[in-house]
Amino acid sequence: MWFKLQDLIMSDQIKFIVDNLNKEPFRKNYNLITFDSLEPMQLLQVLNDQIVDIREEMPEQTAKRMLSLLGILKYKPPGNATDMSTFRQGLVIGSKPVIYPVLHWLLQRSNELKKRAYLAHFLIKLEVPSEFLQDETVADTNKQYEELMEAFKTLHKECEQLKTSGFSTAEIRRVETVQNHQQMLKIARQLRVEKEREELLAQQKQEQKNQLFHAVQRLQRVQNKLKSMRHVAADTSPESLMKKVEEEIKFNSYMVTEKFPRELENKKKELHFLQKVVSDSAMGHSDLLELESKISEINTQINQLIEKKVMRNEPVKGKLSLYRQQASIISRIKEAKAEELKEAKEKLASLEREVSVKTNQTREFDGTEVLKGDEVS
């Protein structure tokens, strides 16, 4: 079961990867078969072709560089330290169970990761050994480098705020000529956020109104049904209750003594047949031909026996055959009715649960007790 689940997840990942690699900007023109048949080195190249060509690189160097890049992109391999070792080894040899999840993760977050990689290019600090910083020129250059990094952070933050402000470039330039334009932009952004929040709340309010309306309608239908059932129960005499109990006992006895044992026997036969199929060796073409020949021979014998019987005009065991046929029909009808009764009981129990849930929900909405079935009219 676990392996089937893993296979299902991997097939979904492969389909997602192929669909995205066939789009812009990759345009690889893969299908599921051609992609799954890629050699390990080709698979590694697919994973890495946006960085550098790895065909002239040692596998250990490739894995080390990929691990470094995936760390910058904040990819977290699954599992513990032992699994991490397996993950590294999988990167070295181009293992599909390792490469596919990484590709799936990268393609799912392509826009986010592009931004993260862009920022990493400028914000990953180059560590200078302390002994080199003793040189005044190196120390001054390193200080300028750190100041430029901080300036980049500030400018990038302002750029992102302007992108989300909702203003066009021309509007931003026009606003920049106005005094206190930073304060105006901040207020405008807050206004836009509040408007979006207001629209979202209005939409949620309408959805809740619709849900409440449908819930009330359903509750009324269930209450009416429950009321009619209570009236029926109120008109029931002790004799009818006893009869109902006897019918319930008969039904349960039938289920326990006939239906369930028969179903269990059928399941056992099916299991035995499947076990036999599994244990038998695979049939070749000659085995199939031999089996078809036997089936044809047996069918011929059956037809000959039927023809002989008709020629002799052997009377069918009249009444006994008719009784057997009627008993078979009655048994099938009985089984069908038992299933209908079982479904009706389950539906009744489900409706009673819904009544309880809807009553509690409605009480939470308005803080009052909902009228019960015999109090509606």
Protein backbone atom coordinates (compact mmCIF):
# COMPACT_ATOMS: atom_id res chain seq x y z
CA MET A 1 0.00 0.00 0.00
CA TRP A 2 2.83 2.40 0.91
CA PHE A 3 4.65 1.69 -2.36
CA LYS A 4 1.46 2.25 -4.36
CA LEU A 5 0.99 5.61 -2.65
CA GLN A 6 4.61 6.56 -3.41
CA ASP A 7 4.15 5.54 -7.07
CA LEU A 8 0.97 7.63 -7.29
CA ILE A 9 2.69 10.70 -5.81
CA MET A 10 5.67 10.28 -8.15
CA SER A 11 3.43 9.92 -11.24
CA ASP A 12 1.64 13.15 -10.29
CA GLN A 13 5.02 14.86 -9.85
CA ILE A 14 6.24 13.63 -13.25
CA LYS A 15 3.09 14.92 -14.97
CA PHE A 16 3.47 18.33 -13.28
CA ILE A 17 7.19 18.50 -14.20
CA VAL A 18 6.59 17.55 -17.85
CA ASP A 19 3.72 20.05 -18.22
CA ASN A 20 5.86 22.90 -16.85
CA LEU A 21 9.03 22.00 -18.75
CA ASN A 22 7.03 22.10 -22.00
CA LYS A 23 5.95 25.70 -21.27
CA GLU A 24 7.90 28.93 -21.62
CA PRO A 25 10.76 29.54 -21.07
CA PHE A 26 11.91 25.88 -21.14
CA ARG A 27 10.00 24.49 -24.18
CA LYS A 28 11.51 21.01 -23.75
CA ASN A 29 8.82 19.10 -25.73
CA TYR A 30 8.83 16.09 -23.38
CA ASN A 31 6.11 13.53 -22.80
CA LEU A 32 5.74 11.22 -19.79
CA ILE A 33 7.56 8.33 -21.47
CA THR A 34 10.53 10.29 -22.87
CA PHE A 35 11.05 12.17 -19.61
CA ASP A 36 10.89 9.05 -17.43
CA SER A 37 13.39 7.30 -19.72
CA LEU A 38 16.09 9.99 -19.30
CA GLU A 39 19.49 8.76 -18.14
CA PRO A 40 20.73 9.96 -14.70
CA MET A 41 23.20 12.44 -16.24
CA GLN A 42 20.47 13.82 -18.54
CA LEU A 43 18.14 14.15 -15.57
CA LEU A 44 20.78 16.07 -13.61
CA GLN A 45 21.28 18.33 -16.63
CA VAL A 46 17.55 19.08 -16.72
CA LEU A 47 17.71 20.03 -13.05
CA ASN A 48 20.78 22.17 -13.51
CA ASP A 49 20.59 23.51 -17.10
CA GLN A 50 19.58 26.99 -15.94
CA ILE A 51 22.87 27.36 -14.01
CA VAL A 52 25.82 25.85 -15.89
CA ASP A 53 26.56 22.84 -18.07
CA ILE A 54 27.54 19.90 -15.86
CA ARG A 55 28.84 17.51 -18.50
CA GLU A 56 32.45 18.56 -17.85
CA GLU A 57 32.02 18.54 -14.07
CA MET A 58 32.72 15.77 -11.57
CA PRO A 59 29.53 14.28 -9.99
CA GLU A 60 30.72 15.14 -6.46
CA GLN A 61 31.27 18.77 -7.48
CA THR A 62 27.82 18.87 -9.06
CA ALA A 63 26.16 17.52 -5.92
CA LYS A 64 28.06 19.95 -3.68
CA ARG A 65 27.12 22.96 -5.81
CA MET A 66 23.49 21.84 -6.07
CA LEU A 67 23.25 21.37 -2.31
CA SER A 68 24.62 24.88 -1.82
CA LEU A 69 22.12 26.34 -4.29
CA LEU A 70 19.17 24.41 -2.80
CA GLY A 71 20.23 25.68 0.64
CA ILE A 72 20.11 29.27 -0.65
CA LEU A 73 16.64 28.59 -2.07
CA LYS A 74 15.64 27.08 1.32
CA TYR A 75 14.79 23.61 0.02
CA LYS A 76 14.46 21.10 2.86
CA PRO A 77 15.10 17.45 1.93
CA PRO A 78 12.73 15.04 3.70
CA GLY A 79 13.80 12.88 6.63
CA ASN A 80 16.62 12.81 9.17
CA ALA A 81 20.42 12.79 8.94
CA THR A 82 20.45 9.28 7.45
CA ASP A 83 17.97 10.36 4.77
CA MET A 84 20.15 13.44 4.13
CA SER A 85 23.08 11.16 3.30
CA THR A 86 20.81 9.23 0.92
CA PHE A 87 19.71 12.53 -0.59
CA ARG A 88 23.31 13.60 -1.28
CA GLN A 89 24.09 10.22 -2.83
CA GLY A 90 20.95 10.51 -4.97
CA LEU A 91 22.14 13.88 -6.29
CA VAL A 92 25.53 12.36 -7.20
CA ILE A 93 24.05 9.45 -9.19
CA GLY A 94 20.97 11.28 -10.55
CA SER A 95 18.42 9.09 -8.71
CA LYS A 96 14.82 9.65 -9.88
CA PRO A 97 13.26 9.42 -6.37
CA VAL A 98 15.56 12.30 -5.36
CA ILE A 99 15.54 14.43 -8.53
CA TYR A 100 11.78 14.31 -9.23
CA PRO A 101 10.69 15.88 -5.89
CA VAL A 102 13.35 18.60 -6.26
CA LEU A 103 12.21 19.45 -9.80
CA HIS A 104 8.58 19.42 -8.67
CA TRP A 105 9.39 21.79 -5.79
CA LEU A 106 11.39 24.18 -8.03
CA LEU A 107 8.74 24.35 -10.77
CA GLN A 108 5.94 24.89 -8.27
CA ARG A 109 7.66 28.00 -6.90
CA SER A 110 9.45 29.33 -9.97
CA ASN A 111 8.48 33.00 -9.51
CA GLU A 112 9.21 33.01 -5.79
CA LEU A 113 12.55 31.25 -6.29
CA LYS A 114 13.62 33.61 -9.08
CA LYS A 115 13.19 36.50 -6.67
CA ARG A 116 15.01 34.59 -3.91
CA ALA A 117 17.91 33.74 -6.22
CA TYR A 118 18.11 37.36 -7.42
CA LEU A 119 18.30 38.66 -3.84
CA ALA A 120 20.82 35.98 -2.85
CA HIS A 121 23.12 37.22 -5.62
CA PHE A 122 23.40 40.58 -3.82
CA LEU A 123 22.72 39.73 -0.17
CA ILE A 124 24.86 36.67 0.53
CA LYS A 125 27.75 38.29 2.30
CA LEU A 126 31.26 37.52 1.20
CA GLU A 127 33.18 36.62 4.34
CA VAL A 128 36.66 38.19 4.40
CA PRO A 129 39.22 36.51 6.69
CA SER A 130 40.10 38.68 9.68
CA GLU A 131 43.80 38.73 8.83
CA PHE A 132 43.03 40.46 5.50
CA LEU A 133 40.89 43.07 7.25
CA GLN A 134 44.04 44.28 8.99
CA ASP A 135 44.89 45.98 5.71
CA GLU A 136 43.34 49.47 5.71
CA THR A 137 42.39 49.40 2.00
CA VAL A 138 40.71 46.00 2.31
CA ALA A 139 38.86 47.10 5.46
CA ASP A 140 37.59 50.31 3.75
CA THR A 141 36.47 48.33 0.69
CA ASN A 142 34.68 45.79 2.88
CA LYS A 143 32.93 48.61 4.77
CA GLN A 144 31.75 50.17 1.48
CA TYR A 145 30.59 46.70 0.39
CA GLU A 146 28.47 46.32 3.56
CA GLU A 147 27.02 49.85 3.18
CA LEU A 148 26.09 49.15 -0.43
CA MET A 149 24.40 45.92 0.67
CA GLU A 150 22.30 47.81 3.23
CA ALA A 151 21.47 50.48 0.60
CA PHE A 152 20.37 47.70 -1.77
CA LYS A 153 18.04 46.26 0.91
CA THR A 154 16.43 49.68 1.44
CA LEU A 155 15.99 50.37 -2.28
CA HIS A 156 14.62 46.92 -2.96
CA LYS A 157 12.09 47.30 -0.13
CA GLU A 158 10.93 50.66 -1.50
CA CYS A 159 10.71 49.19 -5.00
CA GLU A 160 8.50 46.33 -3.76
CA GLN A 161 6.26 48.78 -1.91
CA LEU A 162 5.83 50.85 -5.07
CA LYS A 163 5.02 47.72 -7.09
CA THR A 164 2.20 46.87 -4.67
CA SER A 165 0.96 50.46 -4.33
CA GLY A 166 -1.36 50.18 -7.33
CA PHE A 167 0.03 53.32 -9.01
CA SER A 168 1.44 53.48 -12.52
CA THR A 169 4.98 54.74 -13.19
CA ALA A 170 3.67 58.07 -14.49
CA GLU A 171 1.51 58.55 -11.38
CA ILE A 172 4.44 57.77 -9.07
CA ARG A 173 6.64 60.30 -10.86
CA ARG A 174 3.89 62.92 -10.62
CA VAL A 175 3.38 62.24 -6.92
CA GLU A 176 7.12 62.45 -6.22
CA THR A 177 7.01 66.15 -7.10
CA VAL A 178 4.47 66.76 -4.32
CA GLN A 179 5.57 67.59 -0.80
CA ASN A 180 5.29 64.68 1.71
CA HIS A 181 4.77 62.24 -1.15
CA GLN A 182 6.06 59.31 0.93
CA GLN A 183 3.30 59.88 3.50
CA MET A 184 0.72 60.14 0.70
CA LEU A 185 1.88 56.89 -0.87
CA LYS A 186 1.70 55.13 2.50
CA ILE A 187 -1.87 56.36 3.09
CA ALA A 188 -2.87 55.36 -0.45
CA ARG A 189 -1.51 51.85 0.11
CA GLN A 190 -3.40 51.55 3.37
CA LEU A 191 -6.58 52.74 1.65
CA ARG A 192 -6.19 50.14 -1.09
CA VAL A 193 -5.59 47.38 1.46
CA GLU A 194 -8.68 48.40 3.45
CA LYS A 195 -10.82 48.47 0.30
CA GLU A 196 -9.67 44.99 -0.64
CA ARG A 197 -10.38 43.83 2.90
CA GLU A 198 -13.85 45.42 2.76
CA GLU A 199 -14.62 43.61 -0.51
CA LEU A 200 -13.42 40.32 0.94
CA LEU A 201 -15.54 40.75 4.08
CA ALA A 202 -18.60 41.62 1.97
CA GLN A 203 -18.06 38.50 -0.11
CA GLN A 204 -17.66 36.35 3.01
CA LYS A 205 -20.81 37.88 4.50
CA GLN A 206 -22.83 37.05 1.39
CA GLU A 207 -21.47 33.49 1.34
CA GLN A 208 -22.42 33.03 5.01
CA LYS A 209 -25.93 34.39 4.30
CA ASN A 210 -26.35 31.89 1.47
CA GLN A 211 -25.08 29.05 3.65
CA LEU A 212 -27.43 30.06 6.47
CA PHE A 213 -30.40 30.25 4.07
CA HIS A 214 -29.72 26.77 2.69
CA ALA A 215 -29.11 25.41 6.20
CA VAL A 216 -32.45 26.79 7.44
CA GLN A 217 -34.29 25.33 4.45
CA ARG A 218 -32.69 21.95 4.99
CA LEU A 219 -33.41 22.11 8.71
CA GLN A 220 -37.08 22.83 8.01
CA ARG A 221 -37.32 19.85 5.66
CA VAL A 222 -35.67 17.59 8.23
CA GLN A 223 -37.95 18.92 11.01
CA ASN A 224 -41.05 18.28 8.91
CA LYS A 225 -39.89 14.76 8.18
CA LEU A 226 -39.08 14.17 11.84
CA LYS A 227 -42.48 15.55 12.85
CA SER A 228 -44.29 13.16 10.52
CA MET A 229 -42.22 10.25 11.84
CA ARG A 230 -43.08 11.21 15.43
CA HIS A 231 -46.78 11.31 14.56
CA VAL A 232 -46.48 7.84 13.10
CA ALA A 233 -44.69 6.67 16.23
CA ALA A 234 -47.35 8.26 18.45
CA ASP A 235 -50.13 6.35 16.66
CA THR A 236 -48.35 3.03 17.13
CA SER A 237 -49.99 0.48 19.41
CA PRO A 238 -48.14 -2.02 21.64
CA GLU A 239 -49.11 -4.80 19.23
CA SER A 240 -47.62 -2.95 16.27
CA LEU A 241 -44.47 -2.20 18.28
CA MET A 242 -44.12 -5.89 19.12
CA LYS A 243 -44.64 -6.74 15.48
CA LYS A 244 -42.00 -4.21 14.50
CA VAL A 245 -39.56 -5.70 17.02
CA GLU A 246 -40.26 -9.19 15.68
CA GLU A 247 -39.63 -7.98 12.13
CA GLU A 248 -36.40 -6.37 13.31
CA ILE A 249 -35.33 -9.66 14.91
CA LYS A 250 -36.22 -11.57 11.74
CA PHE A 251 -34.29 -9.08 9.65
CA ASN A 252 -31.21 -9.29 11.89
CA SER A 253 -31.47 -13.09 11.98
CA TYR A 254 -31.63 -13.19 8.19
CA MET A 255 -28.58 -10.92 7.92
CA VAL A 256 -26.59 -13.02 10.41
CA THR A 257 -27.64 -16.53 9.35
CA GLU A 258 -28.06 -16.14 5.57
CA LYS A 259 -26.80 -12.94 3.96
CA PHE A 260 -23.50 -12.40 5.78
CA PRO A 261 -22.45 -16.10 5.65
CA ARG A 262 -23.23 -16.21 1.93
CA GLU A 263 -21.24 -13.01 1.29
CA LEU A 264 -18.39 -14.37 3.42
CA GLU A 265 -18.39 -17.63 1.46
CA ASN A 266 -18.32 -15.72 -1.84
CA LYS A 267 -15.40 -13.61 -0.60
CA LYS A 268 -13.53 -16.76 0.48
CA LYS A 269 -14.08 -18.31 -2.95
CA GLU A 270 -12.89 -15.12 -4.62
CA LEU A 271 -9.82 -15.00 -2.35
CA HIS A 272 -9.06 -18.66 -3.05
CA PHE A 273 -9.33 -18.02 -6.77
CA LEU A 274 -7.05 -14.97 -6.60
CA GLN A 275 -4.50 -16.87 -4.50
CA LYS A 276 -4.55 -19.64 -7.06
CA VAL A 277 -4.02 -17.14 -9.88
CA VAL A 278 -1.10 -15.55 -8.01
CA SER A 279 0.53 -18.90 -7.21
CA ASP A 280 0.22 -20.23 -10.78
CA SER A 281 3.00 -19.44 -13.20
CA ALA A 282 2.32 -16.98 -16.02
CA MET A 283 0.50 -18.60 -18.96
CA GLY A 284 2.16 -18.53 -22.35
CA HIS A 285 0.54 -18.48 -25.77
CA SER A 286 0.57 -22.27 -26.05
CA ASP A 287 -1.13 -22.60 -22.64
CA LEU A 288 -3.89 -20.24 -23.75
CA LEU A 289 -4.43 -22.20 -26.96
CA GLU A 290 -4.66 -25.45 -24.98
CA LEU A 291 -7.15 -23.91 -22.55
CA GLU A 292 -9.29 -22.54 -25.39
CA SER A 293 -9.27 -26.00 -26.97
CA LYS A 294 -10.50 -27.62 -23.72
CA ILE A 295 -13.25 -24.99 -23.35
CA SER A 296 -14.39 -25.59 -26.91
CA GLU A 297 -14.40 -29.36 -26.33
CA ILE A 298 -16.45 -29.06 -23.12
CA ASN A 299 -18.95 -26.70 -24.82
CA THR A 300 -19.37 -29.26 -27.61
CA GLN A 301 -20.06 -32.02 -25.06
CA ILE A 302 -22.63 -29.83 -23.29
CA ASN A 303 -24.44 -29.09 -26.56
CA GLN A 304 -24.51 -32.80 -27.43
CA LEU A 305 -26.02 -33.69 -24.03
CA ILE A 306 -28.68 -30.98 -24.44
CA GLU A 307 -29.56 -32.29 -27.93
CA LYS A 308 -29.85 -35.87 -26.58
CA LYS A 309 -32.09 -34.70 -23.77
CA VAL A 310 -34.36 -32.84 -26.18
CA MET A 311 -34.49 -35.83 -28.53
CA ARG A 312 -35.57 -38.12 -25.67
CA ASN A 313 -38.17 -35.52 -24.60
CA GLU A 314 -37.19 -36.03 -20.97
CA PRO A 315 -39.73 -34.22 -18.84
CA VAL A 316 -38.39 -31.55 -16.62
CA LYS A 317 -38.96 -32.18 -12.99
CA GLY A 318 -42.02 -29.98 -13.19
CA LYS A 319 -43.13 -28.77 -9.84
CA LEU A 320 -39.75 -29.22 -8.18
CA SER A 321 -38.02 -27.08 -10.83
CA LEU A 322 -40.78 -24.47 -10.59
CA TYR A 323 -40.49 -24.35 -6.78
CA ARG A 324 -36.75 -23.97 -7.00
CA GLN A 325 -37.11 -21.11 -9.46
CA GLN A 326 -39.69 -19.39 -7.25
CA ALA A 327 -37.50 -19.89 -4.18
CA SER A 328 -34.55 -18.35 -6.00
CA ILE A 329 -36.66 -15.34 -7.04
CA ILE A 330 -37.98 -14.89 -3.50
CA SER A 331 -34.44 -15.15 -2.10
CA ARG A 332 -33.23 -12.43 -4.45
CA ILE A 333 -36.21 -10.19 -3.62
CA LYS A 334 -35.62 -10.79 0.08
CA GLU A 335 -31.96 -9.87 -0.25
CA ALA A 336 -32.81 -6.70 -2.22
CA LYS A 337 -35.39 -5.62 0.34
CA ALA A 338 -32.93 -6.26 3.14
CA GLU A 339 -30.45 -3.94 1.45
CA GLU A 340 -33.18 -1.27 0.99
CA LEU A 341 -34.16 -1.54 4.64
CA LYS A 342 -30.53 -1.26 5.72
CA GLU A 343 -30.03 1.86 3.57
CA ALA A 344 -33.26 3.40 4.91
CA LYS A 345 -32.09 2.88 8.49
CA GLU A 346 -28.72 4.45 7.75
CA LYS A 347 -30.43 7.41 6.06
CA LEU A 348 -32.76 7.88 9.06
CA ALA A 349 -29.80 7.86 11.45
CA SER A 350 -27.98 10.38 9.24
CA LEU A 351 -31.02 12.68 9.16
CA GLU A 352 -31.34 12.55 12.94
CA ARG A 353 -27.68 13.53 13.26
CA GLU A 354 -28.19 16.41 10.82
CA VAL A 355 -31.17 17.65 12.84
CA SER A 356 -29.02 17.74 15.97
CA VAL A 357 -26.16 19.54 14.19
CA LYS A 358 -28.40 22.11 12.47
CA THR A 359 -30.24 22.77 15.74
CA ASN A 360 -26.96 23.55 17.49
CA GLN A 361 -25.74 25.72 14.59
CA THR A 362 -28.97 27.73 14.44
CA ARG A 363 -28.88 28.20 18.21
CA GLU A 364 -25.36 29.62 17.85
CA PHE A 365 -26.49 32.00 15.10
CA ASP A 366 -29.36 33.71 16.97
CA GLY A 367 -28.88 32.48 20.57
CA THR A 368 -32.40 31.00 20.77
CA GLU A 369 -33.74 27.49 20.94
CA VAL A 370 -35.02 26.08 17.64
CA LEU A 371 -38.59 24.80 17.67
CA LYS A 372 -38.72 21.03 17.79
CA GLY A 373 -40.73 18.95 15.36
CA ASP A 374 -44.01 18.86 17.33
CA GLU A 375 -43.69 22.57 18.20
CA VAL A 376 -43.42 23.87 14.60
CA SER A 377 -47.14 23.87 13.83
